[in-house]
Amino acid sequence: MEKKCRPPLLWIIQLVLGILPSTRFFPLKCRLLSICGVNIHPSARLCSSVKILTSGRLTIGADTFIGHQALIAGGDSAITIGSNCDIAPRVTILAGSHVIAVAGPRAAGRGNSKPIVIEDGVWIGGGSIILGGVRIGQRSVIGAGSVVVRDIPPHSVAVGSPCRPIR
């Protein structure tokens, strides 16, 4: 049975992570995150300022680096980050959203979430946004500031908003 993140415990663990040196004690950070339901390989390296706000399944592979102030959030859907990935500072991985409400006082209707898969060896540039329902193929590069709204094929270089492969 796959484990899901436990948000209350995750919140407490992130407070502890916030007082640790930003780029040290990576094995301890992995162990603490695994206690609250994150399926994280012990060789992953997360900066202390990474925020995880999800109740779904989160998997982070071996030798993956996640930079300063990255945000991983959204609903009950699975988020899978493969091995040997490099995720730059201030990247947002957002599985959750809302349907558009036709009636009522708000345009944002009921919440929904879609899974995200970031395959092995992917490099995501700083400030990029990865939205729900996408798969980024292995060893692809996502340019800084890109907004990924659709699947990116393996071994691609993709940039822009919306993000499109350029080679």
Foldseek 3Di string as FASTA:
>chain_A
DAFWFDQVQLVVLLVVLLVDAFFDPQLVNQVSRVVRRAAEDSQETEGSQEEEAERAYEYAEHNEYAEHNEYEYEYHAYEYAYYQEYHYHQEYEYFKAAQQDPDDDDRGHDMDGAYEAEYAQEYEAANEYEYHPEYEAHNEYEYHNEYDDYYHYHPFDWYHDPIDTPD
